[in-house]
């Protein structure tokens, strides 16, 4: 059992960190306080901005960078859209076949780009000098498979290609502090347990120089309170130029969630989560893996239905059943899920 297990109000049978996740006690309490303060008129924009800045620092710690490199936002697809909108006409973008839509669709929407899709294990070898940007998830949503990020990065740097890396299915259960990308994007719900609507990105100097901040608004200046009105364009020198006005209530919870996650030893979390996942794999006769997400073929949805009927919260993606193990889970959850599938096989 992970020592943080008692920080969650629920969790037994909840194997869906890769879908929604659960809030820790500090996150739940922060959201409640925010609702109460807002309801009685005590909430202020200045307090929300201060919370966002603290969250920015926690996000930087989780990605192994400085707070000045972090842009905050609401969705991964918005950050990806900025990259896509900044691509030169005819540019080649390399994606993973079957990757999550948010890191693929913005490039496909540009009809004048050449978008190639290759299997994850062929990604590094598929990069050529004509590749403008490589877009991929560190952990695949549909399969739980981990990318060989170092090989992809090395090949991209040698070819002169930009790198966009989505860590939404990774940050929170494994270390993500030693990555090298021009745009590292993450939504803070799922494994980080934040309210939905709080996302962040680490931005390289090259991305700051080459990406156009098409979503620029009052929060994209160095001092948002001095950027509220035209006619001038107010743009921060660094990553903040890509920010949008924050969803304040989401960030009230996200500050607590990111702070909690940043306080954990991610190597310990990784051993705990992957250990449970591999214990489950062993019981199902599946090969061991380095992922906290377990998926297997379930074309008719019968395994997912059996899990759900037994009180296990799981998910189904791309014709596969999917479970994930995190801080609130222990060996009892492995047995609960195995038992549910065993009863399904007997029937």
C-alpha atoms as a PDB file:
ATOM      1  CA  UNK A   1       0.000   0.000   0.000  1.00  0.00           C
ATOM      2  CA  UNK A   2       1.300   3.439  -0.870  1.00  0.00           C
ATOM      3  CA  UNK A   3       1.579   5.724   2.196  1.00  0.00           C
ATOM      4  CA  UNK A   4      -0.695   8.278   0.495  1.00  0.00           C
ATOM      5  CA  UNK A   5      -3.619   5.821   0.314  1.00  0.00           C
ATOM      6  CA  UNK A   6      -5.391   7.472   3.257  1.00  0.00           C
ATOM      7  CA  UNK A   7      -5.323  10.854   1.483  1.00  0.00           C
ATOM      8  CA  UNK A   8      -8.225   9.732  -0.717  1.00  0.00           C
ATOM      9  CA  UNK A   9     -11.832   9.408   0.427  1.00  0.00           C
ATOM     10  CA  UNK A  10     -12.470   6.515  -1.950  1.00  0.00           C
ATOM     11  CA  UNK A  11     -10.521   4.276  -4.258  1.00  0.00           C
ATOM     12  CA  UNK A  12     -11.447   0.655  -3.675  1.00  0.00           C
ATOM     13  CA  UNK A  13     -12.162  -0.781  -7.118  1.00  0.00           C
ATOM     14  CA  UNK A  14     -11.420   2.538  -8.816  1.00  0.00           C
ATOM     15  CA  UNK A  15      -9.104   1.597 -11.692  1.00  0.00           C
ATOM     16  CA  UNK A  16      -9.682   4.686 -13.806  1.00  0.00           C
ATOM     17  CA  UNK A  17      -6.864   7.119 -13.071  1.00  0.00           C
ATOM     18  CA  UNK A  18      -6.252   7.109 -16.825  1.00  0.00           C
ATOM     19  CA  UNK A  19      -9.830   8.305 -17.411  1.00  0.00           C
ATOM     20  CA  UNK A  20     -10.711  10.809 -14.699  1.00  0.00           C
ATOM     21  CA  UNK A  21      -8.774  10.246 -11.472  1.00  0.00           C
ATOM     22  CA  UNK A  22      -9.616  11.047  -7.858  1.00  0.00           C
ATOM     23  CA  UNK A  23      -8.853  14.161  -5.810  1.00  0.00           C
ATOM     24  CA  UNK A  24      -6.643  13.955  -2.752  1.00  0.00           C
ATOM     25  CA  UNK A  25      -7.967  15.447   0.462  1.00  0.00           C
ATOM     26  CA  UNK A  26      -6.138  18.744  -0.083  1.00  0.00           C
ATOM     27  CA  UNK A  27      -7.668  19.125  -3.544  1.00  0.00           C
ATOM     28  CA  UNK A  28     -11.175  18.339  -2.324  1.00  0.00           C
ATOM     29  CA  UNK A  29     -10.810  20.820   0.529  1.00  0.00           C
ATOM     30  CA  UNK A  30      -9.428  23.526  -1.758  1.00  0.00           C
ATOM     31  CA  UNK A  31     -12.391  23.191  -4.130  1.00  0.00           C
ATOM     32  CA  UNK A  32     -14.822  23.349  -1.213  1.00  0.00           C
ATOM     33  CA  UNK A  33     -13.142  26.442   0.206  1.00  0.00           C
ATOM     34  CA  UNK A  34     -13.209  28.097  -3.174  1.00  0.00           C
ATOM     35  CA  UNK A  35     -16.913  27.398  -3.630  1.00  0.00           C
ATOM     36  CA  UNK A  36     -17.684  28.778  -0.192  1.00  0.00           C
ATOM     37  CA  UNK A  37     -15.603  31.920  -0.675  1.00  0.00           C
ATOM     38  CA  UNK A  38     -17.120  32.503  -4.095  1.00  0.00           C
ATOM     39  CA  UNK A  39     -20.660  31.980  -2.811  1.00  0.00           C
ATOM     40  CA  UNK A  40     -20.285  34.648  -0.107  1.00  0.00           C
ATOM     41  CA  UNK A  41     -18.449  37.133  -2.309  1.00  0.00           C
ATOM     42  CA  UNK A  42     -15.010  36.726  -0.754  1.00  0.00           C
ATOM     43  CA  UNK A  43     -13.255  35.359  -3.861  1.00  0.00           C
ATOM     44  CA  UNK A  44     -10.950  37.811  -5.642  1.00  0.00           C
ATOM     45  CA  UNK A  45      -9.172  37.811  -8.962  1.00  0.00           C
ATOM     46  CA  UNK A  46      -5.902  38.605  -7.200  1.00  0.00           C
ATOM     47  CA  UNK A  47      -6.203  35.509  -5.018  1.00  0.00           C
ATOM     48  CA  UNK A  48      -6.924  33.328  -8.041  1.00  0.00           C
ATOM     49  CA  UNK A  49      -3.900  34.745  -9.836  1.00  0.00           C
ATOM     50  CA  UNK A  50      -1.715  34.029  -6.813  1.00  0.00           C
ATOM     51  CA  UNK A  51      -2.970  30.432  -6.734  1.00  0.00           C
ATOM     52  CA  UNK A  52      -2.195  30.090 -10.441  1.00  0.00           C
ATOM     53  CA  UNK A  53       1.371  31.266  -9.885  1.00  0.00           C
ATOM     54  CA  UNK A  54       1.864  28.709  -7.118  1.00  0.00           C
ATOM     55  CA  UNK A  55       0.443  26.037  -9.428  1.00  0.00           C
ATOM     56  CA  UNK A  56       2.850  27.164 -12.138  1.00  0.00           C
ATOM     57  CA  UNK A  57       5.736  26.462  -9.793  1.00  0.00           C
ATOM     58  CA  UNK A  58       4.417  22.983  -9.000  1.00  0.00           C
ATOM     59  CA  UNK A  59       3.940  22.252 -12.703  1.00  0.00           C
ATOM     60  CA  UNK A  60       7.518  23.310 -13.357  1.00  0.00           C
ATOM     61  CA  UNK A  61       8.746  20.929 -10.656  1.00  0.00           C
ATOM     62  CA  UNK A  62       6.783  18.032 -12.180  1.00  0.00           C
ATOM     63  CA  UNK A  63       8.317  18.708 -15.607  1.00  0.00           C
ATOM     64  CA  UNK A  64      11.798  19.473 -14.330  1.00  0.00           C
ATOM     65  CA  UNK A  65      11.991  23.050 -15.568  1.00  0.00           C
ATOM     66  CA  UNK A  66      11.690  26.622 -14.372  1.00  0.00           C
ATOM     67  CA  UNK A  67       8.405  28.416 -13.743  1.00  0.00           C
ATOM     68  CA  UNK A  68       9.302  30.928 -16.456  1.00  0.00           C
ATOM     69  CA  UNK A  69       9.122  28.065 -18.971  1.00  0.00           C
ATOM     70  CA  UNK A  70       5.541  27.124 -18.048  1.00  0.00           C
ATOM     71  CA  UNK A  71       2.422  28.328 -19.845  1.00  0.00           C
ATOM     72  CA  UNK A  72      -0.933  27.550 -18.265  1.00  0.00           C
ATOM     73  CA  UNK A  73      -4.107  26.821 -20.177  1.00  0.00           C
ATOM     74  CA  UNK A  74      -7.249  24.753 -20.295  1.00  0.00           C
ATOM     75  CA  UNK A  75      -6.720  21.893 -22.771  1.00  0.00           C
ATOM     76  CA  UNK A  76      -3.892  20.026 -24.469  1.00  0.00           C
ATOM     77  CA  UNK A  77      -5.522  20.525 -27.869  1.00  0.00           C
ATOM     78  CA  UNK A  78      -5.253  24.309 -27.505  1.00  0.00           C
ATOM     79  CA  UNK A  79      -1.476  24.098 -27.076  1.00  0.00           C
ATOM     80  CA  UNK A  80      -1.259  21.603 -29.930  1.00  0.00           C
ATOM     81  CA  UNK A  81      -3.386  23.937 -32.027  1.00  0.00           C
ATOM     82  CA  UNK A  82      -0.851  26.728 -31.556  1.00  0.00           C
ATOM     83  CA  UNK A  83       1.882  24.445 -32.853  1.00  0.00           C
ATOM     84  CA  UNK A  84      -0.270  23.374 -35.793  1.00  0.00           C
ATOM     85  CA  UNK A  85      -1.225  26.929 -36.684  1.00  0.00           C
ATOM     86  CA  UNK A  86       2.444  27.929 -36.657  1.00  0.00           C
ATOM     87  CA  UNK A  87       3.597  25.238 -39.088  1.00  0.00           C
ATOM     88  CA  UNK A  88       4.744  26.438 -42.515  1.00  0.00           C
ATOM     89  CA  UNK A  89       2.523  25.390 -45.405  1.00  0.00           C
ATOM     90  CA  UNK A  90       3.550  21.973 -46.668  1.00  0.00           C
ATOM     91  CA  UNK A  91       5.444  21.092 -43.498  1.00  0.00           C
ATOM     92  CA  UNK A  92       5.669  17.453 -42.468  1.00  0.00           C
ATOM     93  CA  UNK A  93       4.293  16.476 -39.064  1.00  0.00           C
ATOM     94  CA  UNK A  94       4.993  12.977 -37.784  1.00  0.00           C
ATOM     95  CA  UNK A  95       2.438  11.353 -35.460  1.00  0.00           C
ATOM     96  CA  UNK A  96       1.860   7.967 -33.866  1.00  0.00           C
ATOM     97  CA  UNK A  97      -0.774   5.735 -35.400  1.00  0.00           C
ATOM     98  CA  UNK A  98      -3.667   5.578 -32.929  1.00  0.00           C
ATOM     99  CA  UNK A  99      -2.431   8.378 -30.661  1.00  0.00           C
ATOM    100  CA  UNK A 100      -4.912  10.534 -28.755  1.00  0.00           C
ATOM    101  CA  UNK A 101      -6.817  12.965 -30.972  1.00  0.00           C
ATOM    102  CA  UNK A 102      -5.708  16.080 -29.103  1.00  0.00           C
ATOM    103  CA  UNK A 103      -2.119  15.649 -30.322  1.00  0.00           C
ATOM    104  CA  UNK A 104      -3.150  14.663 -33.848  1.00  0.00           C
ATOM    105  CA  UNK A 105      -6.347  16.475 -34.888  1.00  0.00           C
ATOM    106  CA  UNK A 106      -4.993  20.065 -34.846  1.00  0.00           C
ATOM    107  CA  UNK A 107      -2.436  19.084 -37.497  1.00  0.00           C
ATOM    108  CA  UNK A 108      -4.971  17.203 -39.608  1.00  0.00           C
ATOM    109  CA  UNK A 109      -7.213  20.278 -39.531  1.00  0.00           C
ATOM    110  CA  UNK A 110      -4.492  22.127 -41.434  1.00  0.00           C
ATOM    111  CA  UNK A 111      -5.204  20.749 -44.906  1.00  0.00           C
ATOM    112  CA  UNK A 112      -1.926  22.130 -46.218  1.00  0.00           C
ATOM    113  CA  UNK A 113       0.286  20.045 -43.915  1.00  0.00           C
ATOM    114  CA  UNK A 114       1.727  16.611 -44.658  1.00  0.00           C
ATOM    115  CA  UNK A 115       0.806  14.457 -41.662  1.00  0.00           C
ATOM    116  CA  UNK A 116       2.320  10.985 -41.434  1.00  0.00           C
ATOM    117  CA  UNK A 117       1.287   8.309 -38.921  1.00  0.00           C
ATOM    118  CA  UNK A 118       3.615   5.471 -37.964  1.00  0.00           C
ATOM    119  CA  UNK A 119       3.627   2.759 -35.262  1.00  0.00           C
ATOM    120  CA  UNK A 120       5.023   3.924 -31.929  1.00  0.00           C
ATOM    121  CA  UNK A 121       8.043   1.630 -32.093  1.00  0.00           C
ATOM    122  CA  UNK A 122       8.922   3.000 -35.540  1.00  0.00           C
ATOM    123  CA  UNK A 123       8.665   6.678 -34.595  1.00  0.00           C
ATOM    124  CA  UNK A 124      12.362   7.463 -34.136  1.00  0.00           C
ATOM    125  CA  UNK A 125      13.371   5.741 -37.371  1.00  0.00           C
ATOM    126  CA  UNK A 126      10.639   7.556 -39.320  1.00  0.00           C
ATOM    127  CA  UNK A 127      12.050  11.018 -38.590  1.00  0.00           C
ATOM    128  CA  UNK A 128      13.830  12.571 -41.570  1.00  0.00           C
ATOM    129  CA  UNK A 129      15.390  15.960 -42.355  1.00  0.00           C
ATOM    130  CA  UNK A 130      12.056  16.932 -43.948  1.00  0.00           C
ATOM    131  CA  UNK A 131      10.165  16.446 -40.665  1.00  0.00           C
ATOM    132  CA  UNK A 132       9.134  19.787 -39.176  1.00  0.00           C
ATOM    133  CA  UNK A 133       7.601  18.471 -35.945  1.00  0.00           C
ATOM    134  CA  UNK A 134       7.158  15.141 -34.163  1.00  0.00           C
ATOM    135  CA  UNK A 135       3.993  14.901 -32.041  1.00  0.00           C
ATOM    136  CA  UNK A 136       3.475  11.999 -29.658  1.00  0.00           C
ATOM    137  CA  UNK A 137       2.250  10.947 -26.219  1.00  0.00           C
ATOM    138  CA  UNK A 138       4.774   9.626 -23.727  1.00  0.00           C
ATOM    139  CA  UNK A 139       2.208   6.998 -22.687  1.00  0.00           C
ATOM    140  CA  UNK A 140      -0.379   5.892 -25.217  1.00  0.00           C
ATOM    141  CA  UNK A 141      -3.965   6.360 -24.044  1.00  0.00           C
ATOM    142  CA  UNK A 142      -5.428   3.374 -25.894  1.00  0.00           C
ATOM    143  CA  UNK A 143      -2.764   0.803 -25.004  1.00  0.00           C
ATOM    144  CA  UNK A 144      -0.715   2.163 -22.094  1.00  0.00           C
ATOM    145  CA  UNK A 145       2.465   1.639 -24.115  1.00  0.00           C
ATOM    146  CA  UNK A 146       5.444   3.858 -23.232  1.00  0.00           C
ATOM    147  CA  UNK A 147       7.352   5.668 -25.940  1.00  0.00           C
ATOM    148  CA  UNK A 148      11.136   5.506 -26.140  1.00  0.00           C
ATOM    149  CA  UNK A 149      11.311   9.255 -25.678  1.00  0.00           C
ATOM    150  CA  UNK A 150      15.096   9.470 -25.590  1.00  0.00           C
ATOM    151  CA  UNK A 151      15.466   7.762 -28.977  1.00  0.00           C
ATOM    152  CA  UNK A 152      12.748   9.916 -30.530  1.00  0.00           C
ATOM    153  CA  UNK A 153      14.313  13.056 -29.095  1.00  0.00           C
ATOM    154  CA  UNK A 154      17.783  12.162 -30.343  1.00  0.00           C
ATOM    155  CA  UNK A 155      16.496  11.467 -33.849  1.00  0.00           C
ATOM    156  CA  UNK A 156      14.436  14.669 -33.908  1.00  0.00           C
ATOM    157  CA  UNK A 157      17.327  16.828 -32.728  1.00  0.00           C
ATOM    158  CA  UNK A 158      19.640  15.310 -35.333  1.00  0.00           C
ATOM    159  CA  UNK A 159      17.081  16.031 -38.053  1.00  0.00           C
ATOM    160  CA  UNK A 160      16.372  19.546 -36.795  1.00  0.00           C
ATOM    161  CA  UNK A 161      12.706  18.731 -36.078  1.00  0.00           C
ATOM    162  CA  UNK A 162      10.603  20.251 -33.330  1.00  0.00           C
ATOM    163  CA  UNK A 163       9.141  17.962 -30.655  1.00  0.00           C
ATOM    164  CA  UNK A 164       5.689  18.116 -29.077  1.00  0.00           C
ATOM    165  CA  UNK A 165       5.259  15.639 -26.223  1.00  0.00           C
ATOM    166  CA  UNK A 166       2.025  14.947 -24.317  1.00  0.00           C
ATOM    167  CA  UNK A 167       2.555  13.677 -20.761  1.00  0.00           C
ATOM    168  CA  UNK A 168      -1.098  13.630 -19.655  1.00  0.00           C
ATOM    169  CA  UNK A 169      -1.020   9.836 -19.232  1.00  0.00           C
ATOM    170  CA  UNK A 170       2.389   9.915 -17.541  1.00  0.00           C
ATOM    171  CA  UNK A 171       2.867  12.885 -15.214  1.00  0.00           C
ATOM    172  CA  UNK A 172       1.588  11.834 -11.809  1.00  0.00           C
ATOM    173  CA  UNK A 173       2.623   8.171 -11.855  1.00  0.00           C
ATOM    174  CA  UNK A 174       6.140   8.305 -13.293  1.00  0.00           C
ATOM    175  CA  UNK A 175       8.992  10.845 -13.312  1.00  0.00           C
ATOM    176  CA  UNK A 176       8.716  13.346 -16.160  1.00  0.00           C
ATOM    177  CA  UNK A 177      11.561  15.671 -15.204  1.00  0.00           C
ATOM    178  CA  UNK A 178      14.207  14.572 -17.715  1.00  0.00           C
ATOM    179  CA  UNK A 179      12.349  15.056 -20.983  1.00  0.00           C
ATOM    180  CA  UNK A 180      13.620  17.117 -23.895  1.00  0.00           C
ATOM    181  CA  UNK A 181      10.841  18.642 -25.994  1.00  0.00           C
ATOM    182  CA  UNK A 182       9.974  22.013 -27.467  1.00  0.00           C
ATOM    183  CA  UNK A 183       6.404  21.791 -26.240  1.00  0.00           C
ATOM    184  CA  UNK A 184       5.635  19.424 -23.360  1.00  0.00           C
ATOM    185  CA  UNK A 185       1.895  19.458 -22.719  1.00  0.00           C
ATOM    186  CA  UNK A 186      -0.125  17.998 -19.862  1.00  0.00           C
ATOM    187  CA  UNK A 187      -3.702  18.142 -18.636  1.00  0.00           C
ATOM    188  CA  UNK A 188      -3.800  18.049 -14.835  1.00  0.00           C
ATOM    189  CA  UNK A 189      -6.814  15.800 -14.388  1.00  0.00           C
ATOM    190  CA  UNK A 190      -6.434  11.994 -14.549  1.00  0.00           C
ATOM    191  CA  UNK A 191      -3.246  10.979 -12.702  1.00  0.00           C
ATOM    192  CA  UNK A 192      -2.708  14.372 -11.064  1.00  0.00           C
ATOM    193  CA  UNK A 193      -6.233  14.474  -9.638  1.00  0.00           C
ATOM    194  CA  UNK A 194      -6.976  18.104 -10.503  1.00  0.00           C
ATOM    195  CA  UNK A 195     -10.332  19.435 -11.682  1.00  0.00           C
ATOM    196  CA  UNK A 196     -10.740  19.233 -15.434  1.00  0.00           C
ATOM    197  CA  UNK A 197      -9.904  22.482 -17.215  1.00  0.00           C
ATOM    198  CA  UNK A 198      -6.363  23.042 -15.918  1.00  0.00           C
ATOM    199  CA  UNK A 199      -3.535  22.233 -18.319  1.00  0.00           C
ATOM    200  CA  UNK A 200       0.055  23.384 -18.620  1.00  0.00           C
ATOM    201  CA  UNK A 201       2.966  23.272 -21.031  1.00  0.00           C
ATOM    202  CA  UNK A 202       6.729  23.637 -20.862  1.00  0.00           C
ATOM    203  CA  UNK A 203       7.957  25.723 -23.796  1.00  0.00           C
ATOM    204  CA  UNK A 204      11.463  25.853 -25.280  1.00  0.00           C
ATOM    205  CA  UNK A 205      13.202  28.968 -26.573  1.00  0.00           C
ATOM    206  CA  UNK A 206      12.757  27.710 -30.133  1.00  0.00           C
ATOM    207  CA  UNK A 207       9.024  27.259 -29.651  1.00  0.00           C
ATOM    208  CA  UNK A 208       8.720  30.742 -28.160  1.00  0.00           C
ATOM    209  CA  UNK A 209      10.456  32.121 -31.237  1.00  0.00           C
ATOM    210  CA  UNK A 210       8.632  30.068 -33.883  1.00  0.00           C
ATOM    211  CA  UNK A 211       5.101  29.516 -32.565  1.00  0.00           C
ATOM    212  CA  UNK A 212       2.527  32.258 -33.067  1.00  0.00           C
ATOM    213  CA  UNK A 213       0.395  33.031 -29.979  1.00  0.00           C
ATOM    214  CA  UNK A 214      -2.920  32.999 -31.841  1.00  0.00           C
ATOM    215  CA  UNK A 215      -4.861  32.770 -28.566  1.00  0.00           C
ATOM    216  CA  UNK A 216      -3.262  35.922 -27.141  1.00  0.00           C
ATOM    217  CA  UNK A 217      -5.429  37.839 -24.721  1.00  0.00           C
ATOM    218  CA  UNK A 218      -5.204  39.760 -21.513  1.00  0.00           C
ATOM    219  CA  UNK A 219      -3.371  36.921 -19.751  1.00  0.00           C
ATOM    220  CA  UNK A 220      -0.613  36.600 -22.345  1.00  0.00           C
ATOM    221  CA  UNK A 221       1.309  39.653 -21.186  1.00  0.00           C
ATOM    222  CA  UNK A 222       4.036  39.807 -18.571  1.00  0.00           C
ATOM    223  CA  UNK A 223       1.572  41.552 -16.249  1.00  0.00           C
ATOM    224  CA  UNK A 224      -2.002  40.509 -17.073  1.00  0.00           C
ATOM    225  CA  UNK A 225      -3.432  43.427 -15.140  1.00  0.00           C
ATOM    226  CA  UNK A 226      -1.581  45.804 -17.464  1.00  0.00           C
ATOM    227  CA  UNK A 227      -2.691  43.871 -20.564  1.00  0.00           C
ATOM    228  CA  UNK A 228      -6.441  44.242 -20.270  1.00  0.00           C
ATOM    229  CA  UNK A 229      -7.002  46.745 -23.065  1.00  0.00           C
ATOM    230  CA  UNK A 230      -5.789  47.630 -26.549  1.00  0.00           C
ATOM    231  CA  UNK A 231      -4.815  49.050 -28.877  1.00  0.00           C
ATOM    232  CA  UNK A 232      -1.325  47.615 -28.199  1.00  0.00           C
ATOM    233  CA  UNK A 233      -0.449  43.927 -28.414  1.00  0.00           C
ATOM    234  CA  UNK A 234       0.776  42.820 -25.000  1.00  0.00           C
ATOM    235  CA  UNK A 235       2.956  39.704 -25.234  1.00  0.00           C
ATOM    236  CA  UNK A 236       5.233  38.234 -22.603  1.00  0.00           C
ATOM    237  CA  UNK A 237       8.783  37.535 -23.711  1.00  0.00           C
ATOM    238  CA  UNK A 238       8.601  33.858 -22.810  1.00  0.00           C
ATOM    239  CA  UNK A 239       6.132  31.025 -22.300  1.00  0.00           C
ATOM    240  CA  UNK A 240       3.368  33.209 -20.848  1.00  0.00           C
ATOM    241  CA  UNK A 241       2.627  34.594 -24.307  1.00  0.00           C
ATOM    242  CA  UNK A 242       0.785  31.319 -24.998  1.00  0.00           C
ATOM    243  CA  UNK A 243      -1.516  31.571 -21.983  1.00  0.00           C
ATOM    244  CA  UNK A 244      -5.262  32.005 -22.009  1.00  0.00           C
ATOM    245  CA  UNK A 245      -7.365  33.491 -19.251  1.00  0.00           C
ATOM    246  CA  UNK A 246      -7.420  30.812 -16.525  1.00  0.00           C
ATOM    247  CA  UNK A 247     -10.522  28.920 -15.458  1.00  0.00           C
ATOM    248  CA  UNK A 248     -10.153  30.189 -11.909  1.00  0.00           C
ATOM    249  CA  UNK A 249     -12.195  27.571 -10.082  1.00  0.00           C
ATOM    250  CA  UNK A 250     -10.354  24.745 -11.807  1.00  0.00           C
ATOM    251  CA  UNK A 251      -7.034  26.238 -10.806  1.00  0.00           C
ATOM    252  CA  UNK A 252      -8.114  26.607  -7.183  1.00  0.00           C
ATOM    253  CA  UNK A 253      -8.185  22.827  -7.074  1.00  0.00           C
ATOM    254  CA  UNK A 254      -5.254  22.346  -9.449  1.00  0.00           C
ATOM    255  CA  UNK A 255      -2.906  24.324  -7.229  1.00  0.00           C
ATOM    256  CA  UNK A 256      -3.521  21.875  -4.386  1.00  0.00           C
ATOM    257  CA  UNK A 257      -3.422  18.833  -6.674  1.00  0.00           C
ATOM    258  CA  UNK A 258      -0.149  19.794  -8.334  1.00  0.00           C
ATOM    259  CA  UNK A 259       1.412  20.701  -5.002  1.00  0.00           C
ATOM    260  CA  UNK A 260       0.454  17.307  -3.602  1.00  0.00           C
ATOM    261  CA  UNK A 261       1.863  15.492  -6.649  1.00  0.00           C
ATOM    262  CA  UNK A 262       5.071  17.533  -6.582  1.00  0.00           C
ATOM    263  CA  UNK A 263       5.618  16.508  -2.949  1.00  0.00           C
ATOM    264  CA  UNK A 264       5.673  12.800  -3.840  1.00  0.00           C
ATOM    265  CA  UNK A 265       8.673  10.707  -4.798  1.00  0.00           C
ATOM    266  CA  UNK A 266       7.633   9.765  -8.334  1.00  0.00           C
ATOM    267  CA  UNK A 267      10.047   6.861  -8.486  1.00  0.00           C
ATOM    268  CA  UNK A 268       8.239   5.345  -5.485  1.00  0.00           C
ATOM    269  CA  UNK A 269       4.848   6.054  -7.060  1.00  0.00           C
ATOM    270  CA  UNK A 270       6.008   4.414 -10.269  1.00  0.00           C
ATOM    271  CA  UNK A 271       7.148   1.252  -8.462  1.00  0.00           C
ATOM    272  CA  UNK A 272       3.846   1.054  -6.602  1.00  0.00           C
ATOM    273  CA  UNK A 273       1.625   1.620  -9.638  1.00  0.00           C
ATOM    274  CA  UNK A 274       3.554  -0.594 -12.060  1.00  0.00           C
ATOM    275  CA  UNK A 275       3.916  -3.280  -9.402  1.00  0.00           C
ATOM    276  CA  UNK A 276       0.139  -3.541  -9.028  1.00  0.00           C
ATOM    277  CA  UNK A 277      -0.341  -3.435 -12.791  1.00  0.00           C
ATOM    278  CA  UNK A 278       2.122  -6.267 -13.289  1.00  0.00           C
ATOM    279  CA  UNK A 279       0.536  -8.298 -10.514  1.00  0.00           C
ATOM    280  CA  UNK A 280      -2.752  -7.973 -12.395  1.00  0.00           C
ATOM    281  CA  UNK A 281      -1.071  -8.848 -15.701  1.00  0.00           C
ATOM    282  CA  UNK A 282       0.438 -11.970 -14.165  1.00  0.00           C
ATOM    283  CA  UNK A 283      -2.966 -13.147 -12.951  1.00  0.00           C
ATOM    284  CA  UNK A 284      -4.380 -12.684 -16.456  1.00  0.00           C
ATOM    285  CA  UNK A 285      -1.456 -14.393 -18.146  1.00  0.00           C
ATOM    286  CA  UNK A 286      -0.216 -11.182 -19.741  1.00  0.00           C
ATOM    287  CA  UNK A 287       3.438 -10.239 -20.104  1.00  0.00           C
ATOM    288  CA  UNK A 288       4.931  -7.805 -17.600  1.00  0.00           C
ATOM    289  CA  UNK A 289       5.224  -4.185 -18.696  1.00  0.00           C
ATOM    290  CA  UNK A 290       6.627  -0.861 -17.554  1.00  0.00           C
ATOM    291  CA  UNK A 291       3.215   0.851 -17.625  1.00  0.00           C
ATOM    292  CA  UNK A 292       0.647   1.515 -14.899  1.00  0.00           C
ATOM    293  CA  UNK A 293      -2.070   1.122 -17.559  1.00  0.00           C
ATOM    294  CA  UNK A 294      -3.181  -2.393 -18.508  1.00  0.00           C
ATOM    295  CA  UNK A 295      -5.201  -3.062 -21.660  1.00  0.00           C
ATOM    296  CA  UNK A 296      -6.280  -6.224 -23.462  1.00  0.00           C
ATOM    297  CA  UNK A 297      -8.579  -7.079 -26.398  1.00  0.00           C
ATOM    298  CA  UNK A 298     -12.262  -6.792 -25.514  1.00  0.00           C
ATOM    299  CA  UNK A 299     -14.010  -6.214 -28.829  1.00  0.00           C
ATOM    300  CA  UNK A 300     -17.516  -6.998 -27.559  1.00  0.00           C
ATOM    301  CA  UNK A 301     -17.062  -5.157 -24.257  1.00  0.00           C
ATOM    302  CA  UNK A 302     -17.869  -8.240 -22.169  1.00  0.00           C
ATOM    303  CA  UNK A 303     -14.835  -7.897 -19.889  1.00  0.00           C
ATOM    304  CA  UNK A 304     -15.563  -4.235 -19.253  1.00  0.00           C
ATOM    305  CA  UNK A 305     -19.182  -5.108 -18.508  1.00  0.00           C
ATOM    306  CA  UNK A 306     -18.065  -7.790 -16.035  1.00  0.00           C
ATOM    307  CA  UNK A 307     -15.734  -5.363 -14.263  1.00  0.00           C
ATOM    308  CA  UNK A 308     -18.467  -2.744 -14.050  1.00  0.00           C
ATOM    309  CA  UNK A 309     -21.022  -5.253 -12.736  1.00  0.00           C
ATOM    310  CA  UNK A 310     -18.599  -6.167  -9.939  1.00  0.00           C
ATOM    311  CA  UNK A 311     -18.154  -2.570  -8.868  1.00  0.00           C
ATOM    312  CA  UNK A 312     -14.826  -1.983 -10.584  1.00  0.00           C
ATOM    313  CA  UNK A 313     -14.537   1.384 -12.330  1.00  0.00           C
ATOM    314  CA  UNK A 314     -12.666   0.750 -15.567  1.00  0.00           C
ATOM    315  CA  UNK A 315     -12.865   1.896 -19.178  1.00  0.00           C
ATOM    316  CA  UNK A 316     -12.812   0.673 -22.746  1.00  0.00           C
ATOM    317  CA  UNK A 317     -10.789   2.230 -25.540  1.00  0.00           C
ATOM    318  CA  UNK A 318     -10.257   1.226 -29.189  1.00  0.00           C
ATOM    319  CA  UNK A 319     -11.759  -2.228 -28.721  1.00  0.00           C
ATOM    320  CA  UNK A 320      -9.748  -2.925 -25.577  1.00  0.00           C
ATOM    321  CA  UNK A 321     -10.584  -3.072 -21.876  1.00  0.00           C
ATOM    322  CA  UNK A 322      -8.442  -0.699 -19.824  1.00  0.00           C
ATOM    323  CA  UNK A 323      -7.568  -0.464 -16.133  1.00  0.00           C
ATOM    324  CA  UNK A 324      -5.026   1.663 -14.301  1.00  0.00           C
ATOM    325  CA  UNK A 325      -3.492   1.403 -10.838  1.00  0.00           C
ATOM    326  CA  UNK A 326      -2.569   4.424  -8.737  1.00  0.00           C
ATOM    327  CA  UNK A 327      -1.996   5.733  -5.223  1.00  0.00           C
ATOM    328  CA  UNK A 328      -5.369   4.677  -3.796  1.00  0.00           C
ATOM    329  CA  UNK A 329      -5.088   1.084  -5.028  1.00  0.00           C
ATOM    330  CA  UNK A 330      -3.515  -1.969  -3.389  1.00  0.00           C
ATOM    331  CA  UNK A 331      -3.481  -5.722  -3.810  1.00  0.00           C
ATOM    332  CA  UNK A 332      -7.157  -5.991  -2.899  1.00  0.00           C
ATOM    333  CA  UNK A 333      -8.003  -4.072  -6.062  1.00  0.00           C
ATOM    334  CA  UNK A 334      -5.991  -6.548  -8.115  1.00  0.00           C
ATOM    335  CA  UNK A 335      -7.973  -9.413  -6.589  1.00  0.00           C
ATOM    336  CA  UNK A 336     -11.279  -7.593  -7.093  1.00  0.00           C
ATOM    337  CA  UNK A 337     -10.605  -7.077 -10.799  1.00  0.00           C
ATOM    338  CA  UNK A 338      -9.298 -10.616 -11.319  1.00  0.00           C
ATOM    339  CA  UNK A 339     -12.338 -12.018  -9.546  1.00  0.00           C
ATOM    340  CA  UNK A 340     -14.688 -10.023 -11.736  1.00  0.00           C
ATOM    341  CA  UNK A 341     -13.090 -11.351 -14.892  1.00  0.00           C
ATOM    342  CA  UNK A 342     -12.981 -14.886 -13.512  1.00  0.00           C
ATOM    343  CA  UNK A 343     -16.708 -14.856 -12.862  1.00  0.00           C
ATOM    344  CA  UNK A 344     -17.212 -13.583 -16.405  1.00  0.00           C
ATOM    345  CA  UNK A 345     -15.209 -16.494 -17.812  1.00  0.00           C
ATOM    346  CA  UNK A 346     -17.131 -19.041 -15.762  1.00  0.00           C
ATOM    347  CA  UNK A 347     -20.471 -17.698 -16.918  1.00  0.00           C
END
